[in-house]
Amino acid sequence: MTTASPDIDLAALIADTEGEIVSLVRDRDPSTHGLYEMVRYHLALDGSGASGGKRMRPLLGLLAYASITGDHQRALPGAAAVELGHNFSLVHDDIEDGDERRYGRATLPAEHGIPVALNAGDLLLGEGYRLLAGCGARPDICAALVSIAARGHRELCLGQGAELAWTERPHPIKADEIIEIFRQKTSPAFDVALGVGAALGGATPETHAVLRDYSDALGIAYQIRDDLEDLAADGSSADGFGAPSLLLGLACDKTRGAERERVMTLWQGARANPEDRAAFRARLTDLGIEATARGMLEGYKEQAIRSLPALQHASLKGLLRRVVGKVFRVEIKGWCSEFETRDAAGRQAGAPAAG
């Protein structure tokens, strides 16, 4: 089987994905111009030069497909669908969280109001499902793609629902409960991206099971990293004090009675009051929360790596190790040994006989 080089041109894959999306969200007729214009604005594909994010999720799908098949072109509709689905969730997040800025400019609800933004987000979701169902793959594969996306969509909504319910009535929360929200809200995006690429590449059920385990751990680690970055942010920022965080959950686990109530009071006041933010961060330091959270981060990163030996595709395994290194800006040693062994074996098998 042909496999992809670990030195794939990532910028080219992103450009191809964006080109695929642009062809989908172009104006159909004058009556839909305004709607698709808003969609292009949100995706940062309106020619403004604004950032639309790293396009990490469609990139994962393309790389998964390429690592199995050696090419990425046939997976572009699936990658575009992944990005559209992800951006649907961002529009809804902006509405639900009341965010007015994303990637340095006004969000759709801030710019056009909630009803219009809600409709634009729903269009992104519908276009994504339409792409998966009509991507040109075999009917059974198309059905599998829609099923993967629907499962991720459902899990995301369950996680977001749990977060919103807590935000509406904040109360002491356990770290395990936070991890479950991360598992439902953040991990599915990785699972859908990798699952779509792998399904298009004809991956086995065993491969999909590994990808789910990997995505589960990767998503949790990703969210823990975000919580730690919020903790390290400038004290003038209220980031991290809207949704429940792992740091809060760990602090609740380590305190009791009046001390726990004090932690909750500081956390609730921290969104608007810099003094409460400083006091909350100081209490976390006293409790050793950051060290505990960093230990959990390392544990989930290791769990993601340890899920990979069961994969049969050496190139896919190497890719997923590299993803952990890239996302968390660390070196994952030893990832290329399987490539070197496989390639050396291939060269030896293909060499002409001596004499």
Foldseek 3Di string as FASTA:
>chain_A
DDFADPPDDLVVVVVLLLVVLCVVLPDPDPVCHVLSCLLCVQCVNNPPPADNDDLVLLSLLQNLLCRLVVHRVLCSLLSNLLVLLVSLVVLVCCVLLVDQDDSHHGHCCNVPNDVSSNVSSVVSNVSSLVSLCPSPDPNVLSVVLNVLSVVLVVLQVVLVVVQSVCLVPPDQAALVVVLSSLLSNFLSSQLSSSVNSCSSNVHDPVVSVLSSQLSSLVSSLLQLVVLLVVLVDDLVALPNLRTDHSLSNVLSVQDDDPSNVLLVVLSNCSNPDSVSSVVNSVVSVVSVSSVVSVVSSVVSLVSSLVSQPVDPRLSSNLVSLVVSCVSVVHDDPPSCVVVVVVVVVVCVVPDDDDD
